Amino acid sequence: MENEDFRESLKVEPTLLVPDQITDREKLVSYNKFTIDQQEPFILFINYLNKAVNELRAEEEVSDILQIRARIKSPISAFKNDSKGKTLDDIFGIEFICASEKEIELVKAKMDRLAKSLEEKQISKDNGYEATHCLYSLKDETISKLNRPSKKKYNKNLFPIVEVHYETAAVYYEANFGKARHDQYKNTDMDKISKLYEAGQLIIGTNLPIMWVSDPDNDNMRELSTKEVIKKLYPALKLNTHEKVK
């Protein structure tokens, strides 16, 4: 792969520590450095996608349904996957929710022009979830284009590998409100999630991902509040709070 993955970022000076003695704190420090270094280039790219989709929408080539979501996985989630031996290539993720398969094809063609496909999987689960998952690295010409208006020029190695999900709005609905609900197949304790939120113990960048959603009225993606992140992760969860959503 063109970028260091998370496991590489956990390397420790041998004179200080042997590998099997790395502490949770040292893991967290390594993970935070890994994600912070690549966060701004990632935001440059998702903002570019948001603007491109808005232009397509203005030309009536895509529907108003089309939405982009982006996230940087929380350390807690990444460590859990690492302990299970799962891939860590999905730390930086983008999701396209489209009106139809035809719209997915159009958006995917745009991504294929901007980025090199490293892997593609067709996901079909018994619970009805169906989507295309792709792993990309940005092409050199895309990185040059993103760097051009930026005051700070980013080395191409700082542009992360991204995992992109393409799914229809119907699949999205099933995955969030229907029989494929994420919290059900993960056996999430929704009462515990609610209590942690009420106690202020759910924190973006620690046990919650950093998330953005596309904005049809702005060139840039919009970063979500804590409450909005929780509602995106667990749409069926009812939160007893007076916090106002932006």
Protein backbone atom coordinates (compact mmCIF):
# COMPACT_ATOMS: atom_id res chain seq x y z
CA MET A 1 0.00 0.00 0.00
CA GLU A 2 1.14 3.55 -0.70
CA ASN A 3 0.47 4.82 2.84
CA GLU A 4 1.60 3.45 6.18
CA ASP A 5 -1.26 1.60 7.76
CA PHE A 6 -2.14 1.85 11.43
CA ARG A 7 -0.07 -1.17 12.46
CA GLU A 8 3.04 0.47 11.03
CA SER A 9 2.25 3.60 13.03
CA LEU A 10 2.47 1.60 16.25
CA LYS A 11 6.20 0.98 15.91
CA VAL A 12 8.13 1.84 19.07
CA GLU A 13 11.83 2.49 19.59
CA PRO A 14 13.31 -0.92 20.59
CA THR A 15 15.49 0.69 23.23
CA LEU A 16 12.38 1.95 25.02
CA LEU A 17 9.93 -0.89 24.68
CA VAL A 18 9.60 -4.33 23.17
CA PRO A 19 6.62 -4.64 20.76
CA ASP A 20 4.45 -6.89 22.94
CA GLN A 21 4.63 -4.41 25.82
CA ILE A 22 3.11 -1.42 24.03
CA THR A 23 0.58 0.24 26.29
CA ASP A 24 -2.92 1.49 25.47
CA ARG A 25 -1.71 5.04 25.98
CA GLU A 26 1.10 4.58 23.46
CA LYS A 27 -1.35 3.04 21.01
CA LEU A 28 -3.63 6.05 21.42
CA VAL A 29 -0.78 8.53 20.91
CA SER A 30 0.30 6.70 17.74
CA TYR A 31 -3.24 6.48 16.42
CA ASN A 32 -3.97 10.16 17.07
CA LYS A 33 -0.78 11.21 15.28
CA PHE A 34 -1.62 8.93 12.36
CA THR A 35 -5.12 10.37 11.95
CA ILE A 36 -4.33 14.01 12.73
CA ASP A 37 -1.53 14.07 10.14
CA GLN A 38 -3.98 12.90 7.46
CA GLN A 39 -7.16 14.62 8.63
CA GLU A 40 -6.69 17.93 6.78
CA PRO A 41 -5.84 16.27 3.42
CA PHE A 42 -8.87 13.99 3.92
CA ILE A 43 -11.09 17.04 4.50
CA LEU A 44 -9.70 18.66 1.34
CA PHE A 45 -10.79 15.60 -0.62
CA ILE A 46 -14.28 15.23 0.85
CA ASN A 47 -14.92 18.95 0.33
CA TYR A 48 -13.89 18.50 -3.30
CA LEU A 49 -16.38 15.63 -3.61
CA ASN A 50 -19.12 17.71 -1.99
CA LYS A 51 -18.54 20.53 -4.49
CA ALA A 52 -18.47 18.10 -7.42
CA VAL A 53 -21.77 16.52 -6.34
CA ASN A 54 -23.36 19.96 -5.91
CA GLU A 55 -22.33 20.79 -9.47
CA LEU A 56 -23.86 17.55 -10.74
CA ARG A 57 -27.01 18.33 -8.77
CA ALA A 58 -27.23 21.81 -10.28
CA GLU A 59 -26.97 20.23 -13.74
CA GLU A 60 -29.72 17.76 -12.72
CA GLU A 61 -27.44 14.79 -13.36
CA VAL A 62 -28.02 13.45 -9.84
CA SER A 63 -31.01 13.58 -7.51
CA ASP A 64 -31.55 15.54 -4.31
CA ILE A 65 -31.45 12.19 -2.49
CA LEU A 66 -27.73 11.76 -3.11
CA GLN A 67 -25.77 12.31 0.09
CA ILE A 68 -22.12 11.91 1.04
CA ARG A 69 -21.05 10.90 4.51
CA ALA A 70 -17.47 10.73 5.70
CA ARG A 71 -15.83 9.65 8.92
CA ILE A 72 -12.56 8.98 10.68
CA LYS A 73 -12.89 5.88 12.82
CA SER A 74 -12.57 6.29 16.58
CA PRO A 75 -9.52 4.77 18.33
CA ILE A 76 -11.79 2.45 20.34
CA SER A 77 -13.29 0.99 17.16
CA ALA A 78 -9.91 0.69 15.43
CA PHE A 79 -8.30 -1.04 18.43
CA LYS A 80 -11.22 -3.48 18.61
CA ASN A 81 -10.80 -4.43 14.94
CA ASP A 82 -7.02 -4.67 15.35
CA SER A 83 -7.43 -7.08 18.28
CA LYS A 84 -9.62 -9.28 16.05
CA GLY A 85 -7.06 -9.21 13.24
CA LYS A 86 -9.41 -7.27 10.94
CA THR A 87 -8.25 -4.84 8.29
CA LEU A 88 -7.46 -1.29 9.34
CA ASP A 89 -7.71 0.16 5.84
CA ASP A 90 -11.13 1.64 6.66
CA ILE A 91 -9.97 4.26 9.19
CA PHE A 92 -10.89 6.97 6.67
CA GLY A 93 -14.30 6.19 5.20
CA ILE A 94 -16.72 7.74 2.70
CA GLU A 95 -20.29 6.65 2.06
CA PHE A 96 -22.41 7.58 -0.95
CA ILE A 97 -26.16 7.15 -0.45
CA CYS A 98 -27.75 7.21 -3.90
CA ALA A 99 -31.26 7.18 -5.32
CA SER A 100 -30.61 4.26 -7.67
CA GLU A 101 -28.04 1.85 -9.07
CA LYS A 102 -27.70 4.18 -12.07
CA GLU A 103 -26.75 7.02 -9.74
CA ILE A 104 -24.20 4.76 -8.03
CA GLU A 105 -22.62 4.05 -11.44
CA LEU A 106 -22.34 7.78 -12.15
CA VAL A 107 -20.76 8.58 -8.77
CA LYS A 108 -18.43 5.57 -8.94
CA ALA A 109 -17.24 6.65 -12.39
CA LYS A 110 -16.36 10.03 -10.87
CA MET A 111 -14.39 8.35 -8.06
CA ASP A 112 -12.56 6.13 -10.56
CA ARG A 113 -11.36 9.25 -12.38
CA LEU A 114 -10.05 10.76 -9.14
CA ALA A 115 -8.60 7.71 -7.41
CA LYS A 116 -6.95 4.37 -8.07
CA SER A 117 -9.04 1.37 -7.04
CA LEU A 118 -7.03 -0.99 -4.84
CA GLU A 119 -9.81 -3.42 -4.01
CA GLU A 120 -13.52 -3.83 -4.72
CA LYS A 121 -16.03 -6.05 -2.92
CA GLN A 122 -19.70 -6.71 -3.56
CA ILE A 123 -21.31 -7.10 -0.13
CA SER A 124 -24.53 -9.11 0.13
CA LYS A 125 -25.70 -10.18 3.59
CA ASP A 126 -28.55 -12.42 4.67
CA ASN A 127 -30.20 -9.49 6.46
CA GLY A 128 -30.65 -7.65 3.15
CA TYR A 129 -27.65 -5.32 3.23
CA GLU A 130 -26.18 -4.97 -0.26
CA ALA A 131 -23.50 -2.49 -1.25
CA THR A 132 -20.24 -2.04 -3.13
CA HIS A 133 -17.19 -1.43 -0.93
CA CYS A 134 -14.06 -0.07 -2.61
CA LEU A 135 -10.60 0.81 -1.36
CA TYR A 136 -8.90 3.76 -3.06
CA SER A 137 -5.69 5.75 -3.11
CA LEU A 138 -5.82 9.21 -4.69
CA LYS A 139 -4.18 9.69 -8.08
CA ASP A 140 -1.23 12.07 -8.33
CA GLU A 141 -3.17 14.46 -10.57
CA THR A 142 -5.99 14.62 -8.03
CA ILE A 143 -3.56 15.42 -5.23
CA SER A 144 -2.00 18.18 -7.35
CA LYS A 145 -5.48 19.58 -8.00
CA LEU A 146 -6.35 19.54 -4.30
CA ASN A 147 -3.03 21.13 -3.31
CA ARG A 148 -3.27 23.94 -5.86
CA PRO A 149 -5.66 26.28 -3.96
CA SER A 150 -4.43 25.20 -0.54
CA LYS A 151 -2.08 27.51 1.35
CA LYS A 152 -0.43 24.46 2.87
CA LYS A 153 0.88 21.94 0.34
CA TYR A 154 0.47 18.36 1.53
CA ASN A 155 2.87 15.56 0.71
CA LYS A 156 1.02 12.87 -1.24
CA ASN A 157 1.79 10.31 1.49
CA LEU A 158 -0.47 12.32 3.83
CA PHE A 159 -3.51 11.69 1.65
CA PRO A 160 -4.99 8.58 3.22
CA ILE A 161 -6.22 5.35 1.75
CA VAL A 162 -10.03 5.60 1.86
CA GLU A 163 -12.72 2.96 1.99
CA VAL A 164 -15.80 3.99 0.01
CA HIS A 165 -19.27 2.45 0.34
CA TYR A 166 -21.85 2.85 -2.43
CA GLU A 167 -25.43 2.01 -1.52
CA THR A 168 -28.95 2.92 -2.52
CA ALA A 169 -31.29 4.86 -0.24
CA ALA A 170 -33.40 1.69 0.09
CA VAL A 171 -30.42 -0.29 1.39
CA TYR A 172 -29.49 2.59 3.69
CA TYR A 173 -33.00 2.57 5.16
CA GLU A 174 -32.84 -1.17 5.84
CA ALA A 175 -29.38 -0.82 7.42
CA ASN A 176 -30.58 1.90 9.78
CA PHE A 177 -34.27 1.27 10.44
CA GLY A 178 -35.09 -2.16 9.02
CA LYS A 179 -34.03 -5.77 9.52
CA ALA A 180 -30.38 -4.98 8.73
CA ARG A 181 -30.11 -2.41 11.52
CA HIS A 182 -26.48 -1.99 12.60
CA ASP A 183 -27.26 -1.99 16.31
CA GLN A 184 -29.20 -5.26 16.02
CA TYR A 185 -26.61 -7.37 14.22
CA LYS A 186 -23.90 -5.89 16.46
CA ASN A 187 -26.07 -6.56 19.55
CA THR A 188 -25.56 -2.99 20.73
CA ASP A 189 -26.90 -2.17 24.18
CA MET A 190 -28.94 0.91 23.28
CA ASP A 191 -29.76 1.74 26.92
CA LYS A 192 -26.05 1.80 27.70
CA ILE A 193 -25.38 4.10 24.73
CA SER A 194 -28.10 6.47 25.90
CA LYS A 195 -26.78 6.54 29.49
CA LEU A 196 -23.21 7.15 28.33
CA TYR A 197 -24.43 10.06 26.24
CA GLU A 198 -26.43 11.55 29.11
CA ALA A 199 -23.33 11.24 31.33
CA GLY A 200 -21.19 13.06 28.75
CA GLN A 201 -18.98 10.00 28.28
CA LEU A 202 -19.36 9.71 24.50
CA ILE A 203 -16.62 11.85 22.98
CA ILE A 204 -15.88 12.51 19.31
CA GLY A 205 -12.37 11.32 18.47
CA THR A 206 -12.22 8.97 21.47
CA ASN A 207 -15.14 6.53 21.44
CA LEU A 208 -17.09 8.21 18.64
CA PRO A 209 -15.88 8.80 15.07
CA ILE A 210 -15.39 12.26 13.59
CA MET A 211 -18.13 12.60 10.97
CA TRP A 212 -19.13 14.93 8.15
CA VAL A 213 -22.18 15.09 5.90
CA SER A 214 -22.55 16.71 2.49
CA ASP A 215 -24.06 20.17 2.31
CA PRO A 216 -26.11 21.06 -0.81
CA ASP A 217 -25.89 24.77 0.05
CA ASN A 218 -22.15 24.95 0.65
CA ASP A 219 -19.00 23.78 -1.11
CA ASN A 220 -17.67 22.23 2.10
CA MET A 221 -18.90 19.20 4.01
CA ARG A 222 -20.46 19.91 7.41
CA GLU A 223 -18.89 18.43 10.56
CA LEU A 224 -21.43 16.82 12.88
CA SER A 225 -22.02 17.48 16.57
CA THR A 226 -21.86 14.72 19.18
CA LYS A 227 -25.63 14.27 19.15
CA GLU A 228 -25.71 14.16 15.35
CA VAL A 229 -22.94 11.55 15.26
CA ILE A 230 -24.85 9.35 17.71
CA LYS A 231 -28.05 9.73 15.69
CA LYS A 232 -26.19 8.77 12.49
CA LEU A 233 -24.72 5.70 14.18
CA TYR A 234 -27.93 4.71 15.96
CA PRO A 235 -30.89 6.33 14.14
CA ALA A 236 -33.44 4.39 16.17
CA LEU A 237 -32.02 5.65 19.49
CA LYS A 238 -34.14 8.17 21.38
CA LEU A 239 -32.03 10.64 23.32
CA ASN A 240 -33.48 12.45 26.33
CA THR A 241 -31.75 15.75 25.84
CA HIS A 242 -32.51 19.37 25.06
CA GLU A 243 -29.36 19.81 22.97
CA LYS A 244 -30.22 21.44 19.68
CA VAL A 245 -28.97 19.87 16.48
CA LYS A 246 -27.22 22.36 14.22
